[in-house]
Amino acid sequence: MTKHPYKPGDEVEWSSHGSTTHGEVKEEITEEKEAAGRKVKASKDEPQYRVESAKSGRDAVHKPSALRKRSS
């Protein structure tokens, strides 16, 4: 896996409360900032990704290891 495996527009899926959710990567976060209602501790070496759920439209932030590219 590369350091920055996702980019805005990528369709991804992740586990959420015992089920799988999918959505779109909206932003790569590479610095400490407020996102999705919480403080995100990210850096260029350890980015996190703001994703928007296709089902609820809500934002969430995940580490790359929690995301998988969605199959077409």
PDB file of N, CA and C in Angstrom:
ATOM      1  N   MET A   1       0.842  -1.180   0.000  1.00  0.00           N
ATOM      2  CA  MET A   1       0.000   0.000   0.000  1.00  0.00           C
ATOM      3  C   MET A   1       0.885   1.239   0.000  1.00  0.00           C
ATOM      4  N   THR A   2       0.525   2.187  -0.830  1.00  0.00           N
ATOM      5  CA  THR A   2       1.304   3.420  -0.889  1.00  0.00           C
ATOM      6  C   THR A   2       0.975   4.301   0.302  1.00  0.00           C
ATOM      7  N   LYS A   3       1.786   5.309   0.522  1.00  0.00           N
ATOM      8  CA  LYS A   3       1.574   6.231   1.642  1.00  0.00           C
ATOM      9  C   LYS A   3       0.224   6.938   1.543  1.00  0.00           C
ATOM     10  N   HIS A   4      -0.164   7.326   0.331  1.00  0.00           N
ATOM     11  CA  HIS A   4      -1.402   8.074   0.123  1.00  0.00           C
ATOM     12  C   HIS A   4      -2.269   7.313  -0.893  1.00  0.00           C
ATOM     13  N   PRO A   5      -2.948   6.271  -0.428  1.00  0.00           N
ATOM     14  CA  PRO A   5      -3.648   5.386  -1.354  1.00  0.00           C
ATOM     15  C   PRO A   5      -4.967   5.921  -1.900  1.00  0.00           C
ATOM     16  N   TYR A   6      -5.521   6.976  -1.323  1.00  0.00           N
ATOM     17  CA  TYR A   6      -6.829   7.466  -1.748  1.00  0.00           C
ATOM     18  C   TYR A   6      -6.748   8.934  -2.132  1.00  0.00           C
ATOM     19  N   LYS A   7      -7.661   9.333  -2.999  1.00  0.00           N
ATOM     20  CA  LYS A   7      -7.736  10.729  -3.415  1.00  0.00           C
ATOM     21  C   LYS A   7      -9.209  11.134  -3.473  1.00  0.00           C
ATOM     22  N   PRO A   8      -9.498  12.423  -3.380  1.00  0.00           N
ATOM     23  CA  PRO A   8     -10.888  12.864  -3.461  1.00  0.00           C
ATOM     24  C   PRO A   8     -11.571  12.306  -4.712  1.00  0.00           C
ATOM     25  N   GLY A   9     -12.784  11.833  -4.513  1.00  0.00           N
ATOM     26  CA  GLY A   9     -13.548  11.232  -5.610  1.00  0.00           C
ATOM     27  C   GLY A   9     -13.533   9.723  -5.602  1.00  0.00           C
ATOM     28  N   ASP A  10     -12.558   9.112  -4.899  1.00  0.00           N
ATOM     29  CA  ASP A  10     -12.501   7.650  -4.832  1.00  0.00           C
ATOM     30  C   ASP A  10     -13.711   7.106  -4.074  1.00  0.00           C
ATOM     31  N   GLU A  11     -14.292   6.019  -4.570  1.00  0.00           N
ATOM     32  CA  GLU A  11     -15.369   5.316  -3.877  1.00  0.00           C
ATOM     33  C   GLU A  11     -14.729   4.274  -2.961  1.00  0.00           C
ATOM     34  N   VAL A  12     -15.075   4.329  -1.679  1.00  0.00           N
ATOM     35  CA  VAL A  12     -14.485   3.433  -0.692  1.00  0.00           C
ATOM     36  C   VAL A  12     -15.580   2.831   0.189  1.00  0.00           C
ATOM     37  N   GLU A  13     -15.204   1.804   0.947  1.00  0.00           N
ATOM     38  CA  GLU A  13     -16.102   1.229   1.934  1.00  0.00           C
ATOM     39  C   GLU A  13     -15.346   1.010   3.226  1.00  0.00           C
ATOM     40  N   TRP A  14     -16.100   0.922   4.334  1.00  0.00           N
ATOM     41  CA  TRP A  14     -15.508   0.760   5.655  1.00  0.00           C
ATOM     42  C   TRP A  14     -16.519   0.085   6.566  1.00  0.00           C
ATOM     43  N   SER A  15     -16.031  -0.485   7.645  1.00  0.00           N
ATOM     44  CA  SER A  15     -16.905  -1.115   8.631  1.00  0.00           C
ATOM     45  C   SER A  15     -17.428  -0.047   9.582  1.00  0.00           C
ATOM     46  N   SER A  16     -18.719  -0.139   9.873  1.00  0.00           N
ATOM     47  CA  SER A  16     -19.350   0.818  10.776  1.00  0.00           C
ATOM     48  C   SER A  16     -20.420   0.106  11.588  1.00  0.00           C
ATOM     49  N   HIS A  17     -20.153  -0.024  12.873  1.00  0.00           N
ATOM     50  CA  HIS A  17     -21.126  -0.621  13.794  1.00  0.00           C
ATOM     51  C   HIS A  17     -21.604  -1.994  13.325  1.00  0.00           C
ATOM     52  N   GLY A  18     -20.687  -2.841  12.904  1.00  0.00           N
ATOM     53  CA  GLY A  18     -21.014  -4.211  12.537  1.00  0.00           C
ATOM     54  C   GLY A  18     -21.500  -4.422  11.116  1.00  0.00           C
ATOM     55  N   SER A  19     -21.573  -3.374  10.325  1.00  0.00           N
ATOM     56  CA  SER A  19     -21.963  -3.540   8.927  1.00  0.00           C
ATOM     57  C   SER A  19     -20.979  -2.769   8.050  1.00  0.00           C
ATOM     58  N   THR A  20     -21.134  -2.910   6.754  1.00  0.00           N
ATOM     59  CA  THR A  20     -20.251  -2.214   5.819  1.00  0.00           C
ATOM     60  C   THR A  20     -20.981  -1.006   5.245  1.00  0.00           C
ATOM     61  N   THR A  21     -20.303   0.122   5.235  1.00  0.00           N
ATOM     62  CA  THR A  21     -20.836   1.372   4.694  1.00  0.00           C
ATOM     63  C   THR A  21     -19.940   1.791   3.541  1.00  0.00           C
ATOM     64  N   HIS A  22     -20.492   2.516   2.597  1.00  0.00           N
ATOM     65  CA  HIS A  22     -19.670   3.008   1.497  1.00  0.00           C
ATOM     66  C   HIS A  22     -19.952   4.488   1.262  1.00  0.00           C
ATOM     67  N   GLY A  23     -19.020   5.102   0.562  1.00  0.00           N
ATOM     68  CA  GLY A  23     -19.158   6.517   0.250  1.00  0.00           C
ATOM     69  C   GLY A  23     -17.969   7.007  -0.549  1.00  0.00           C
ATOM     70  N   GLU A  24     -17.795   8.308  -0.544  1.00  0.00           N
ATOM     71  CA  GLU A  24     -16.775   8.956  -1.374  1.00  0.00           C
ATOM     72  C   GLU A  24     -15.760   9.697  -0.516  1.00  0.00           C
ATOM     73  N   VAL A  25     -14.492   9.569  -0.903  1.00  0.00           N
ATOM     74  CA  VAL A  25     -13.439  10.344  -0.255  1.00  0.00           C
ATOM     75  C   VAL A  25     -13.636  11.797  -0.669  1.00  0.00           C
ATOM     76  N   LYS A  26     -13.720  12.681   0.319  1.00  0.00           N
ATOM     77  CA  LYS A  26     -13.915  14.108   0.053  1.00  0.00           C
ATOM     78  C   LYS A  26     -12.634  14.909   0.239  1.00  0.00           C
ATOM     79  N   GLU A  27     -11.753  14.419   1.129  1.00  0.00           N
ATOM     80  CA  GLU A  27     -10.559  15.211   1.452  1.00  0.00           C
ATOM     81  C   GLU A  27      -9.490  14.325   2.078  1.00  0.00           C
ATOM     82  N   GLU A  28      -8.243  14.557   1.693  1.00  0.00           N
ATOM     83  CA  GLU A  28      -7.106  13.953   2.378  1.00  0.00           C
ATOM     84  C   GLU A  28      -6.637  14.967   3.417  1.00  0.00           C
ATOM     85  N   ILE A  29      -6.554  14.541   4.669  1.00  0.00           N
ATOM     86  CA  ILE A  29      -6.147  15.433   5.750  1.00  0.00           C
ATOM     87  C   ILE A  29      -4.703  15.112   6.117  1.00  0.00           C
ATOM     88  N   THR A  30      -3.841  16.129   6.049  1.00  0.00           N
ATOM     89  CA  THR A  30      -2.412  15.911   6.310  1.00  0.00           C
ATOM     90  C   THR A  30      -1.872  16.817   7.401  1.00  0.00           C
ATOM     91  N   GLU A  31      -2.780  17.391   8.187  1.00  0.00           N
ATOM     92  CA  GLU A  31      -2.369  18.226   9.316  1.00  0.00           C
ATOM     93  C   GLU A  31      -3.452  18.157  10.382  1.00  0.00           C
ATOM     94  N   GLU A  32      -3.099  18.546  11.592  1.00  0.00           N
ATOM     95  CA  GLU A  32      -4.075  18.534  12.683  1.00  0.00           C
ATOM     96  C   GLU A  32      -5.138  19.581  12.401  1.00  0.00           C
ATOM     97  N   LYS A  33      -6.411  19.152  12.437  1.00  0.00           N
ATOM     98  CA  LYS A  33      -7.508  20.082  12.184  1.00  0.00           C
ATOM     99  C   LYS A  33      -8.812  19.497  12.703  1.00  0.00           C
ATOM    100  N   GLU A  34      -9.846  20.310  12.679  1.00  0.00           N
ATOM    101  CA  GLU A  34     -11.189  19.898  13.063  1.00  0.00           C
ATOM    102  C   GLU A  34     -11.892  19.393  11.804  1.00  0.00           C
ATOM    103  N   ALA A  35     -12.452  18.175  11.873  1.00  0.00           N
ATOM    104  CA  ALA A  35     -13.184  17.619  10.733  1.00  0.00           C
ATOM    105  C   ALA A  35     -14.192  16.604  11.241  1.00  0.00           C
ATOM    106  N   ALA A  36     -15.352  16.564  10.626  1.00  0.00           N
ATOM    107  CA  ALA A  36     -16.416  15.620  10.981  1.00  0.00           C
ATOM    108  C   ALA A  36     -16.744  15.683  12.472  1.00  0.00           C
ATOM    109  N   GLY A  37     -16.660  16.888  13.033  1.00  0.00           N
ATOM    110  CA  GLY A  37     -17.039  17.093  14.416  1.00  0.00           C
ATOM    111  C   GLY A  37     -16.035  16.655  15.465  1.00  0.00           C
ATOM    112  N   ARG A  38     -14.804  16.406  15.046  1.00  0.00           N
ATOM    113  CA  ARG A  38     -13.779  16.023  16.024  1.00  0.00           C
ATOM    114  C   ARG A  38     -12.415  16.542  15.591  1.00  0.00           C
ATOM    115  N   LYS A  39     -11.477  16.525  16.545  1.00  0.00           N
ATOM    116  CA  LYS A  39     -10.105  16.938  16.251  1.00  0.00           C
ATOM    117  C   LYS A  39      -9.383  15.751  15.616  1.00  0.00           C
ATOM    118  N   VAL A  40      -8.812  15.982  14.460  1.00  0.00           N
ATOM    119  CA  VAL A  40      -8.111  14.926  13.716  1.00  0.00           C
ATOM    120  C   VAL A  40      -6.614  15.175  13.823  1.00  0.00           C
ATOM    121  N   LYS A  41      -5.893  14.177  14.294  1.00  0.00           N
ATOM    122  CA  LYS A  41      -4.436  14.272  14.379  1.00  0.00           C
ATOM    123  C   LYS A  41      -3.850  13.515  13.193  1.00  0.00           C
ATOM    124  N   ALA A  42      -3.552  14.241  12.148  1.00  0.00           N
ATOM    125  CA  ALA A  42      -3.006  13.665  10.929  1.00  0.00           C
ATOM    126  C   ALA A  42      -1.731  14.424  10.559  1.00  0.00           C
ATOM    127  N   SER A  43      -0.941  13.816   9.681  1.00  0.00           N
ATOM    128  CA  SER A  43       0.273  14.454   9.185  1.00  0.00           C
ATOM    129  C   SER A  43       0.501  13.995   7.748  1.00  0.00           C
ATOM    130  N   LYS A  44       1.494  14.567   7.085  1.00  0.00           N
ATOM    131  CA  LYS A  44       1.812  14.132   5.720  1.00  0.00           C
ATOM    132  C   LYS A  44       2.238  12.674   5.692  1.00  0.00           C
ATOM    133  N   ASP A  45       2.923  12.217   6.752  1.00  0.00           N
ATOM    134  CA  ASP A  45       3.351  10.822   6.819  1.00  0.00           C
ATOM    135  C   ASP A  45       2.244   9.874   7.267  1.00  0.00           C
ATOM    136  N   GLU A  46       1.245  10.407   7.983  1.00  0.00           N
ATOM    137  CA  GLU A  46       0.126   9.594   8.463  1.00  0.00           C
ATOM    138  C   GLU A  46      -1.186  10.329   8.195  1.00  0.00           C
ATOM    139  N   PRO A  47      -1.594  10.338   6.903  1.00  0.00           N
ATOM    140  CA  PRO A  47      -2.815  11.061   6.548  1.00  0.00           C
ATOM    141  C   PRO A  47      -4.069  10.339   7.032  1.00  0.00           C
ATOM    142  N   GLN A  48      -5.148  11.086   7.100  1.00  0.00           N
ATOM    143  CA  GLN A  48      -6.468  10.510   7.341  1.00  0.00           C
ATOM    144  C   GLN A  48      -7.371  11.059   6.248  1.00  0.00           C
ATOM    145  N   TYR A  49      -8.545  10.437   6.106  1.00  0.00           N
ATOM    146  CA  TYR A  49      -9.425  10.794   5.002  1.00  0.00           C
ATOM    147  C   TYR A  49     -10.828  11.121   5.487  1.00  0.00           C
ATOM    148  N   ARG A  50     -11.351  12.272   5.025  1.00  0.00           N
ATOM    149  CA  ARG A  50     -12.739  12.620   5.301  1.00  0.00           C
ATOM    150  C   ARG A  50     -13.574  12.000   4.198  1.00  0.00           C
ATOM    151  N   VAL A  51     -14.543  11.192   4.604  1.00  0.00           N
ATOM    152  CA  VAL A  51     -15.409  10.506   3.655  1.00  0.00           C
ATOM    153  C   VAL A  51     -16.853  10.902   3.927  1.00  0.00           C
ATOM    154  N   GLU A  52     -17.669  10.867   2.889  1.00  0.00           N
ATOM    155  CA  GLU A  52     -19.092  11.150   3.025  1.00  0.00           C
ATOM    156  C   GLU A  52     -19.850   9.867   2.757  1.00  0.00           C
ATOM    157  N   SER A  53     -20.677   9.458   3.704  1.00  0.00           N
ATOM    158  CA  SER A  53     -21.476   8.245   3.572  1.00  0.00           C
ATOM    159  C   SER A  53     -22.508   8.414   2.467  1.00  0.00           C
ATOM    160  N   ALA A  54     -22.594   7.432   1.573  1.00  0.00           N
ATOM    161  CA  ALA A  54     -23.586   7.475   0.497  1.00  0.00           C
ATOM    162  C   ALA A  54     -24.995   7.319   1.066  1.00  0.00           C
ATOM    163  N   LYS A  55     -25.130   6.613   2.169  1.00  0.00           N
ATOM    164  CA  LYS A  55     -26.451   6.357   2.747  1.00  0.00           C
ATOM    165  C   LYS A  55     -26.970   7.546   3.554  1.00  0.00           C
ATOM    166  N   SER A  56     -26.155   8.060   4.466  1.00  0.00           N
ATOM    167  CA  SER A  56     -26.630   9.113   5.373  1.00  0.00           C
ATOM    168  C   SER A  56     -26.214  10.521   4.955  1.00  0.00           C
ATOM    169  N   GLY A  57     -25.184  10.631   4.118  1.00  0.00           N
ATOM    170  CA  GLY A  57     -24.671  11.939   3.733  1.00  0.00           C
ATOM    171  C   GLY A  57     -23.775  12.565   4.791  1.00  0.00           C
ATOM    172  N   ARG A  58     -23.555  11.843   5.883  1.00  0.00           N
ATOM    173  CA  ARG A  58     -22.719  12.370   6.968  1.00  0.00           C
ATOM    174  C   ARG A  58     -21.240  12.170   6.680  1.00  0.00           C
ATOM    175  N   ASP A  59     -20.435  13.056   7.265  1.00  0.00           N
ATOM    176  CA  ASP A  59     -18.986  12.958   7.155  1.00  0.00           C
ATOM    177  C   ASP A  59     -18.422  12.093   8.268  1.00  0.00           C
ATOM    178  N   ALA A  60     -17.334  11.412   7.958  1.00  0.00           N
ATOM    179  CA  ALA A  60     -16.563  10.658   8.943  1.00  0.00           C
ATOM    180  C   ALA A  60     -15.107  10.794   8.538  1.00  0.00           C
ATOM    181  N   VAL A  61     -14.204  10.543   9.474  1.00  0.00           N
ATOM    182  CA  VAL A  61     -12.774  10.590   9.178  1.00  0.00           C
ATOM    183  C   VAL A  61     -12.185   9.236   9.543  1.00  0.00           C
ATOM    184  N   HIS A  62     -11.395   8.672   8.623  1.00  0.00           N
ATOM    185  CA  HIS A  62     -10.802   7.356   8.844  1.00  0.00           C
ATOM    186  C   HIS A  62      -9.339   7.341   8.448  1.00  0.00           C
ATOM    187  N   LYS A  63      -8.583   6.474   9.112  1.00  0.00           N
ATOM    188  CA  LYS A  63      -7.203   6.191   8.706  1.00  0.00           C
ATOM    189  C   LYS A  63      -7.270   5.324   7.455  1.00  0.00           C
ATOM    190  N   PRO A  64      -6.222   5.331   6.637  1.00  0.00           N
ATOM    191  CA  PRO A  64      -6.223   4.538   5.407  1.00  0.00           C
ATOM    192  C   PRO A  64      -6.472   3.053   5.663  1.00  0.00           C
ATOM    193  N   SER A  65      -5.987   2.525   6.777  1.00  0.00           N
ATOM    194  CA  SER A  65      -6.143   1.098   7.061  1.00  0.00           C
ATOM    195  C   SER A  65      -7.598   0.696   7.288  1.00  0.00           C
ATOM    196  N   ALA A  66      -8.477   1.650   7.582  1.00  0.00           N
ATOM    197  CA  ALA A  66      -9.889   1.352   7.818  1.00  0.00           C
ATOM    198  C   ALA A  66     -10.710   1.375   6.526  1.00  0.00           C
ATOM    199  N   LEU A  67     -10.111   1.853   5.444  1.00  0.00           N
ATOM    200  CA  LEU A  67     -10.831   1.992   4.180  1.00  0.00           C
ATOM    201  C   LEU A  67     -10.386   0.944   3.165  1.00  0.00           C
ATOM    202  N   ARG A  68     -11.315   0.605   2.261  1.00  0.00           N
ATOM    203  CA  ARG A  68     -11.015  -0.276   1.126  1.00  0.00           C
ATOM    204  C   ARG A  68     -11.627   0.353  -0.117  1.00  0.00           C
ATOM    205  N   LYS A  69     -10.900   0.298  -1.242  1.00  0.00           N
ATOM    206  CA  LYS A  69     -11.486   0.795  -2.486  1.00  0.00           C
ATOM    207  C   LYS A  69     -12.683  -0.078  -2.829  1.00  0.00           C
ATOM    208  N   ARG A  70     -13.731   0.542  -3.266  1.00  0.00           N
ATOM    209  CA  ARG A  70     -14.965  -0.167  -3.569  1.00  0.00           C
ATOM    210  C   ARG A  70     -14.906  -0.739  -4.980  1.00  0.00           C
ATOM    211  N   SER A  71     -15.314  -1.993  -5.100  1.00  0.00           N
ATOM    212  CA  SER A  71     -15.364  -2.641  -6.416  1.00  0.00           C
ATOM    213  C   SER A  71     -16.535  -2.090  -7.196  1.00  0.00           C
ATOM    214  N   SER A  72     -16.358  -1.980  -8.497  1.00  0.00           N
ATOM    215  CA  SER A  72     -17.459  -1.470  -9.343  1.00  0.00           C
ATOM    216  C   SER A  72     -18.500  -2.519  -9.545  1.00  0.00           C
TER     217      SER A  72
END
